[in-house]
N, C-alpha and C. Protein backbone atom coordinates (compact mmCIF):
# COMPACT_ATOMS: atom_id res chain seq x y z
N SER A 1 33.54 -53.47 -0.59
CA SER A 1 32.43 -53.40 0.26
C SER A 1 32.92 -54.15 1.50
N ASN A 2 32.22 -53.84 2.63
CA ASN A 2 32.51 -54.47 3.86
C ASN A 2 31.42 -55.66 4.05
N MET A 3 31.92 -56.84 4.31
CA MET A 3 30.90 -57.93 4.51
C MET A 3 30.46 -57.99 5.90
N PRO A 4 29.04 -58.06 6.21
CA PRO A 4 28.79 -58.25 7.57
C PRO A 4 29.17 -59.61 8.08
N PRO A 5 29.02 -59.74 9.39
CA PRO A 5 29.41 -60.88 10.15
C PRO A 5 28.63 -62.16 9.82
N GLU A 6 27.34 -61.70 9.59
CA GLU A 6 26.30 -62.96 9.36
C GLU A 6 25.34 -62.29 8.19
N SER A 7 24.64 -63.33 7.58
CA SER A 7 23.73 -62.86 6.58
C SER A 7 22.55 -61.93 7.09
N PRO A 8 22.48 -60.70 6.41
CA PRO A 8 21.26 -59.74 6.90
C PRO A 8 20.01 -60.49 6.67
N ARG A 9 18.85 -60.07 7.49
CA ARG A 9 17.62 -60.71 7.30
C ARG A 9 17.13 -60.33 5.83
N ALA A 10 17.30 -59.12 5.30
CA ALA A 10 16.98 -58.66 3.90
C ALA A 10 18.26 -58.79 3.10
N ASN A 11 18.62 -60.01 2.64
CA ASN A 11 19.87 -60.12 1.96
C ASN A 11 19.63 -59.88 0.48
N VAL A 12 19.65 -58.60 0.25
CA VAL A 12 19.69 -58.26 -1.17
C VAL A 12 20.49 -57.08 -1.31
N PHE A 13 20.93 -56.70 -2.64
CA PHE A 13 21.54 -55.54 -2.92
C PHE A 13 21.20 -54.89 -4.22
N ASN A 14 21.67 -53.71 -4.52
CA ASN A 14 21.23 -53.00 -5.77
C ASN A 14 22.67 -52.66 -6.48
N ILE A 15 22.42 -52.68 -7.87
CA ILE A 15 23.50 -52.10 -8.89
C ILE A 15 22.94 -50.94 -9.48
N VAL A 16 23.61 -49.78 -9.43
CA VAL A 16 23.16 -48.73 -10.30
C VAL A 16 24.34 -48.13 -11.06
N VAL A 17 24.11 -48.08 -12.36
CA VAL A 17 25.24 -47.43 -13.29
C VAL A 17 24.78 -46.11 -13.61
N ALA A 18 25.71 -45.27 -13.34
CA ALA A 18 25.47 -43.63 -13.63
C ALA A 18 26.49 -43.17 -14.56
N ASP A 19 26.15 -42.28 -15.39
CA ASP A 19 27.02 -41.59 -16.33
C ASP A 19 27.80 -40.63 -15.54
N GLU A 20 28.75 -39.84 -16.44
CA GLU A 20 29.57 -38.73 -15.61
C GLU A 20 28.70 -37.65 -15.08
N ALA A 21 27.49 -37.42 -15.47
CA ALA A 21 26.76 -36.32 -14.82
C ALA A 21 25.77 -36.77 -13.66
N GLY A 22 26.01 -38.19 -13.33
CA GLY A 22 25.36 -38.75 -12.18
C GLY A 22 24.04 -39.33 -12.50
N GLU A 23 23.59 -39.31 -13.81
CA GLU A 23 22.35 -39.71 -14.28
C GLU A 23 22.25 -41.21 -14.34
N THR A 24 21.28 -41.99 -13.87
CA THR A 24 21.23 -43.36 -14.00
C THR A 24 21.03 -43.79 -15.32
N VAL A 25 21.95 -44.71 -15.98
CA VAL A 25 21.80 -45.30 -17.34
C VAL A 25 21.34 -46.78 -17.24
N ASP A 26 21.53 -47.39 -16.03
CA ASP A 26 20.96 -48.66 -15.95
C ASP A 26 20.93 -49.09 -14.43
N ALA A 27 20.13 -50.06 -14.04
CA ALA A 27 20.05 -50.35 -12.79
C ALA A 27 19.43 -51.63 -12.67
N ARG A 28 19.64 -52.41 -11.49
CA ARG A 28 18.95 -53.62 -11.20
C ARG A 28 18.73 -53.49 -9.69
N PHE A 29 17.70 -53.81 -9.08
CA PHE A 29 17.34 -53.66 -7.66
C PHE A 29 16.87 -55.11 -7.14
N GLN A 30 17.08 -55.28 -5.79
CA GLN A 30 16.70 -56.42 -4.92
C GLN A 30 17.31 -57.56 -5.64
N ILE A 31 18.67 -57.64 -5.72
CA ILE A 31 19.42 -58.82 -6.35
C ILE A 31 19.54 -59.71 -4.96
N PRO A 32 19.21 -60.99 -5.09
CA PRO A 32 19.45 -61.76 -3.90
C PRO A 32 20.88 -61.86 -3.73
N GLY A 33 21.38 -61.73 -2.52
CA GLY A 33 22.59 -61.89 -1.99
C GLY A 33 22.98 -63.41 -1.58
N ALA A 34 24.25 -63.74 -1.60
CA ALA A 34 24.71 -65.17 -1.29
C ALA A 34 24.67 -65.18 0.37
N PRO A 35 24.28 -66.35 0.85
CA PRO A 35 24.51 -66.48 2.34
C PRO A 35 25.90 -66.30 2.83
N ILE A 36 26.17 -65.78 3.89
CA ILE A 36 27.33 -65.65 4.54
C ILE A 36 27.50 -66.92 5.46
N LEU A 37 28.59 -67.77 5.19
CA LEU A 37 28.56 -69.07 5.78
C LEU A 37 29.53 -69.17 6.88
N GLY A 38 30.41 -67.94 7.15
CA GLY A 38 31.31 -67.87 8.15
C GLY A 38 30.73 -68.32 9.61
N THR A 39 29.56 -68.14 9.96
CA THR A 39 29.10 -68.34 11.19
C THR A 39 28.79 -70.03 11.41
N ASP A 40 28.95 -70.64 10.33
CA ASP A 40 28.88 -72.21 10.22
C ASP A 40 30.32 -72.88 10.70
N ILE A 41 31.32 -72.16 10.66
CA ILE A 41 32.62 -72.76 10.85
C ILE A 41 32.71 -72.77 12.47
N PRO A 42 32.96 -73.98 13.02
CA PRO A 42 33.23 -74.09 14.52
C PRO A 42 34.34 -73.26 14.88
N LEU A 43 34.13 -72.53 16.10
CA LEU A 43 35.15 -71.60 16.65
C LEU A 43 36.57 -72.31 16.88
N ASP A 44 36.60 -73.73 17.25
CA ASP A 44 37.89 -74.45 17.42
C ASP A 44 38.65 -74.78 16.15
N VAL A 45 38.12 -74.44 14.82
CA VAL A 45 38.75 -74.78 13.55
C VAL A 45 39.89 -73.84 13.45
N ALA A 46 39.68 -72.54 13.59
CA ALA A 46 40.82 -71.65 13.38
C ALA A 46 41.40 -71.10 14.69
N SER A 47 42.58 -70.90 14.63
CA SER A 47 43.26 -70.41 15.91
C SER A 47 44.54 -69.69 15.50
N GLN A 48 45.13 -69.15 16.54
CA GLN A 48 46.43 -68.56 16.37
C GLN A 48 46.50 -67.39 15.58
N PRO A 49 45.48 -66.40 15.65
CA PRO A 49 45.67 -65.26 14.74
C PRO A 49 46.92 -64.45 15.05
N THR A 50 47.54 -63.82 14.02
CA THR A 50 48.83 -63.29 14.20
C THR A 50 48.85 -62.05 13.54
N LEU A 51 49.42 -60.98 14.17
CA LEU A 51 49.70 -59.71 13.57
C LEU A 51 50.90 -59.06 14.04
N SER A 52 51.89 -58.97 13.11
CA SER A 52 53.19 -58.34 13.47
C SER A 52 53.64 -57.23 12.52
N TRP A 53 54.44 -56.40 12.81
CA TRP A 53 54.88 -55.35 11.92
C TRP A 53 56.30 -54.96 12.20
N SER A 54 57.06 -54.42 11.10
CA SER A 54 58.50 -54.17 11.21
C SER A 54 58.74 -52.70 11.79
N SER A 55 57.72 -51.73 11.73
CA SER A 55 58.01 -50.47 12.12
C SER A 55 56.68 -49.91 12.71
N SER A 56 56.68 -49.13 13.69
CA SER A 56 55.59 -48.18 14.24
C SER A 56 55.73 -46.84 14.22
N ASP A 57 56.66 -46.56 13.40
CA ASP A 57 56.81 -44.98 13.22
C ASP A 57 55.89 -44.47 12.21
N ALA A 58 55.07 -43.24 12.85
CA ALA A 58 54.04 -42.60 12.16
C ALA A 58 54.37 -42.24 10.69
N GLY A 59 53.71 -42.34 9.67
CA GLY A 59 54.11 -41.85 8.34
C GLY A 59 55.21 -42.58 7.73
N THR A 60 55.39 -43.76 8.04
CA THR A 60 56.35 -44.55 7.40
C THR A 60 55.85 -46.07 6.96
N SER A 61 56.41 -46.59 5.98
CA SER A 61 55.85 -47.93 5.53
C SER A 61 56.48 -48.85 6.53
N SER A 62 55.81 -50.06 6.68
CA SER A 62 55.96 -51.15 7.43
C SER A 62 55.74 -52.42 6.64
N ILE A 63 56.47 -53.58 7.10
CA ILE A 63 56.09 -55.05 6.57
C ILE A 63 55.18 -55.53 7.58
N ILE A 64 53.97 -55.82 7.28
CA ILE A 64 53.05 -56.35 8.07
C ILE A 64 52.81 -57.89 7.71
N ARG A 65 52.72 -58.68 8.82
CA ARG A 65 52.53 -60.14 8.60
C ARG A 65 51.11 -60.40 9.42
N MET A 66 50.34 -60.96 8.48
CA MET A 66 49.00 -61.39 9.37
C MET A 66 48.74 -62.85 8.92
N GLY A 67 48.25 -63.63 9.88
CA GLY A 67 48.00 -64.95 9.66
C GLY A 67 46.80 -65.50 10.53
N VAL A 68 46.62 -66.70 10.24
CA VAL A 68 45.65 -67.58 11.00
C VAL A 68 45.90 -69.02 10.85
N ASP A 69 46.01 -69.98 11.75
CA ASP A 69 46.04 -71.39 11.62
C ASP A 69 44.79 -72.20 11.56
N PHE A 70 44.53 -73.00 10.57
CA PHE A 70 43.42 -74.03 10.52
C PHE A 70 43.82 -75.23 11.14
N ARG A 71 42.92 -75.72 12.10
CA ARG A 71 43.37 -77.03 12.80
C ARG A 71 42.95 -78.17 11.90
N SER A 72 41.96 -77.93 11.11
CA SER A 72 41.37 -79.06 10.19
C SER A 72 40.96 -78.52 8.98
N PRO A 73 40.79 -79.35 7.93
CA PRO A 73 40.20 -78.85 6.64
C PRO A 73 38.93 -78.03 6.74
N VAL A 74 38.93 -77.03 6.12
CA VAL A 74 37.60 -76.16 6.00
C VAL A 74 37.30 -76.08 4.56
N ASP A 75 36.05 -76.43 4.08
CA ASP A 75 35.89 -76.29 2.67
C ASP A 75 34.77 -75.34 2.25
N ASN A 76 34.31 -74.41 3.15
CA ASN A 76 33.31 -73.48 2.86
C ASN A 76 33.83 -72.09 2.94
N VAL A 77 35.18 -71.89 2.89
CA VAL A 77 35.75 -70.59 2.96
C VAL A 77 36.00 -70.17 1.68
N LYS A 78 35.49 -68.94 1.38
CA LYS A 78 35.83 -68.29 0.03
C LYS A 78 36.79 -67.31 -0.01
N ALA A 79 36.96 -66.74 1.19
CA ALA A 79 37.93 -65.43 1.64
C ALA A 79 38.31 -65.47 2.81
N LEU A 80 39.42 -64.72 3.06
CA LEU A 80 39.77 -64.31 4.34
C LEU A 80 39.96 -62.87 4.20
N TYR A 81 39.40 -62.06 5.26
CA TYR A 81 39.40 -60.64 5.35
C TYR A 81 40.03 -60.18 6.57
N PHE A 82 41.11 -59.36 6.25
CA PHE A 82 41.95 -58.91 7.44
C PHE A 82 41.66 -57.44 7.34
N GLN A 83 41.15 -56.93 8.49
CA GLN A 83 40.91 -55.51 8.83
C GLN A 83 42.04 -55.02 9.49
N PHE A 84 42.82 -53.89 9.04
CA PHE A 84 43.93 -53.29 9.56
C PHE A 84 43.55 -52.60 10.97
N PRO A 85 44.42 -52.62 11.85
CA PRO A 85 43.87 -52.06 13.23
C PRO A 85 43.95 -50.44 13.25
N LYS A 86 43.18 -50.00 14.06
CA LYS A 86 43.14 -48.42 14.35
C LYS A 86 43.35 -48.39 15.71
N GLU A 87 44.34 -47.57 16.31
CA GLU A 87 44.44 -47.31 17.78
C GLU A 87 43.41 -46.47 18.23
N ARG A 88 42.94 -46.61 19.55
CA ARG A 88 41.99 -45.94 20.05
C ARG A 88 42.52 -44.53 20.11
N GLY A 89 41.76 -43.66 19.61
CA GLY A 89 42.41 -42.15 19.34
C GLY A 89 43.45 -42.05 18.57
N GLY A 90 43.93 -42.88 18.02
CA GLY A 90 45.23 -42.79 17.12
C GLY A 90 44.65 -43.00 15.66
N PRO A 91 45.97 -43.12 14.82
CA PRO A 91 45.65 -43.20 13.30
C PRO A 91 45.14 -44.59 12.97
N GLN A 92 44.48 -44.77 11.69
CA GLN A 92 44.21 -45.99 10.97
C GLN A 92 45.30 -46.35 10.22
N VAL A 93 45.71 -47.63 10.40
CA VAL A 93 46.64 -48.33 9.49
C VAL A 93 45.98 -48.40 8.16
N VAL A 94 46.77 -47.95 7.17
CA VAL A 94 46.27 -48.16 5.88
C VAL A 94 47.29 -48.98 4.95
N SER A 95 46.74 -49.35 3.77
CA SER A 95 47.69 -50.20 2.95
C SER A 95 48.59 -49.33 2.25
N ASP A 96 49.76 -49.88 1.91
CA ASP A 96 50.69 -49.04 1.08
C ASP A 96 51.23 -49.96 0.04
N ILE A 97 50.23 -50.79 -0.58
CA ILE A 97 50.47 -51.84 -1.54
C ILE A 97 50.80 -51.08 -2.73
N GLU A 98 51.89 -51.10 -3.45
CA GLU A 98 52.12 -50.58 -4.82
C GLU A 98 52.01 -51.39 -5.89
N VAL A 99 52.64 -52.61 -5.82
CA VAL A 99 52.70 -53.63 -6.80
C VAL A 99 52.20 -54.88 -6.25
N THR A 100 51.76 -55.97 -7.06
CA THR A 100 51.27 -57.10 -6.58
C THR A 100 52.18 -58.01 -5.87
N THR A 101 53.47 -57.73 -6.14
CA THR A 101 54.46 -58.47 -5.37
C THR A 101 54.76 -58.21 -3.90
N ASP A 102 54.04 -56.91 -3.58
CA ASP A 102 54.17 -56.47 -2.24
C ASP A 102 53.28 -57.48 -1.30
N VAL A 103 52.40 -58.24 -1.95
CA VAL A 103 51.68 -59.16 -0.99
C VAL A 103 52.05 -60.61 -1.49
N ARG A 104 52.52 -61.31 -0.25
CA ARG A 104 52.87 -62.56 -0.57
C ARG A 104 52.12 -63.50 0.46
N ALA A 105 52.03 -64.74 0.05
CA ALA A 105 51.49 -66.02 0.87
C ALA A 105 52.65 -66.66 1.13
N LEU A 106 52.93 -66.88 2.34
CA LEU A 106 54.20 -67.64 2.85
C LEU A 106 53.87 -69.07 2.97
N ASN A 107 52.62 -69.53 3.05
CA ASN A 107 52.38 -70.94 2.95
C ASN A 107 52.20 -71.27 1.57
N ARG A 108 52.94 -72.22 1.18
CA ARG A 108 52.90 -72.59 -0.28
C ARG A 108 51.64 -73.63 -0.58
N ASP A 109 51.21 -74.23 0.51
CA ASP A 109 50.19 -75.15 0.42
C ASP A 109 48.96 -74.45 0.54
N PHE A 110 48.70 -73.16 0.95
CA PHE A 110 47.41 -72.66 1.00
C PHE A 110 46.75 -72.42 -0.32
N PRO A 111 45.56 -72.85 -0.43
CA PRO A 111 44.82 -72.96 -1.84
C PRO A 111 44.42 -71.38 -2.26
N LEU A 112 45.38 -70.79 -2.88
CA LEU A 112 44.82 -69.30 -3.23
C LEU A 112 44.26 -69.65 -4.79
N THR A 113 43.46 -68.51 -5.15
CA THR A 113 42.86 -68.64 -6.53
C THR A 113 43.93 -68.52 -7.50
N MET A 114 43.58 -69.04 -8.60
CA MET A 114 44.52 -69.12 -9.74
C MET A 114 44.72 -67.72 -10.39
N THR A 115 43.77 -66.88 -10.35
CA THR A 115 43.84 -65.51 -10.97
C THR A 115 44.27 -64.45 -9.77
N GLN A 116 43.69 -63.24 -9.88
CA GLN A 116 43.97 -62.32 -8.95
C GLN A 116 43.47 -62.99 -7.54
N TRP A 117 44.53 -63.11 -6.59
CA TRP A 117 44.21 -63.98 -5.36
C TRP A 117 43.95 -62.90 -4.36
N PHE A 118 44.11 -61.67 -4.46
CA PHE A 118 43.98 -60.71 -3.37
C PHE A 118 43.26 -59.27 -3.86
N ASP A 119 42.68 -58.74 -2.91
CA ASP A 119 41.97 -57.56 -3.25
C ASP A 119 42.45 -56.54 -2.10
N ASP A 120 42.86 -55.39 -2.73
CA ASP A 120 43.40 -54.21 -1.73
C ASP A 120 42.65 -53.07 -2.16
N SER A 121 41.45 -53.17 -2.64
CA SER A 121 40.82 -51.94 -3.02
C SER A 121 40.32 -51.22 -1.83
N VAL A 122 40.17 -51.72 -0.67
CA VAL A 122 39.72 -51.09 0.43
C VAL A 122 41.01 -50.86 1.25
N PRO A 123 41.45 -49.47 1.48
CA PRO A 123 42.79 -49.24 2.05
C PRO A 123 43.00 -49.66 3.49
N THR A 124 42.05 -50.00 4.18
CA THR A 124 42.13 -50.37 5.47
C THR A 124 41.91 -51.80 5.75
N ALA A 125 41.96 -52.63 4.60
CA ALA A 125 41.75 -53.94 4.79
C ALA A 125 42.41 -54.79 3.52
N LEU A 126 42.53 -56.05 3.71
CA LEU A 126 43.02 -57.02 2.49
C LEU A 126 42.32 -58.09 2.56
N LYS A 127 41.85 -58.50 1.54
CA LYS A 127 40.98 -59.79 1.25
C LYS A 127 41.81 -60.83 0.49
N ILE A 128 42.00 -61.93 1.03
CA ILE A 128 42.56 -63.04 0.40
C ILE A 128 41.59 -64.22 -0.11
N PHE A 129 41.51 -64.31 -1.51
CA PHE A 129 40.52 -65.36 -2.00
C PHE A 129 41.14 -66.73 -2.00
N VAL A 130 40.25 -67.55 -1.66
CA VAL A 130 40.58 -69.04 -1.45
C VAL A 130 40.07 -69.77 -2.66
N ASP A 131 40.84 -70.56 -3.16
CA ASP A 131 40.51 -71.37 -4.38
C ASP A 131 39.41 -72.33 -4.01
N ASP A 132 38.40 -72.48 -4.99
CA ASP A 132 37.42 -73.31 -4.93
C ASP A 132 37.40 -74.31 -6.20
N PRO A 133 38.06 -75.58 -5.92
CA PRO A 133 38.31 -76.48 -7.06
C PRO A 133 36.90 -76.87 -7.63
N LEU A 134 35.78 -76.73 -7.03
CA LEU A 134 34.41 -77.17 -7.59
C LEU A 134 34.00 -75.96 -8.66
N ALA A 135 34.47 -74.71 -8.69
CA ALA A 135 34.03 -73.66 -9.40
C ALA A 135 34.90 -73.71 -10.72
N ARG A 136 36.10 -74.55 -10.82
CA ARG A 136 36.82 -74.57 -11.99
C ARG A 136 36.06 -75.43 -13.09
């Protein structure tokens, strides 16, 4: 799912479980959502966003590097969400990740989660999960 830039006024969501015929077998509604804390991070904490790629030939794979620098420690970031670009009037860049080793973190000091540390289920984005030592 796509996360909005700030907490919505009605910060709730629904879960509906359906069978193969599309019939609801279970559901829960109006589940309170967690607050989105990204707006609390001062703008001068993160800088130098980068995006580079090895090839721009249509229909071919490319190695893409994305990054951001943090100038000081940030303790309320749970994930980084990278939305792949779309050229105005052109094609949308989509993920070509086939195996987990296709995604690498180049900074060994970056606090990745201990388990599955990224989510590539949305073909036009990549989410990197940040370790929360308090959650262990």
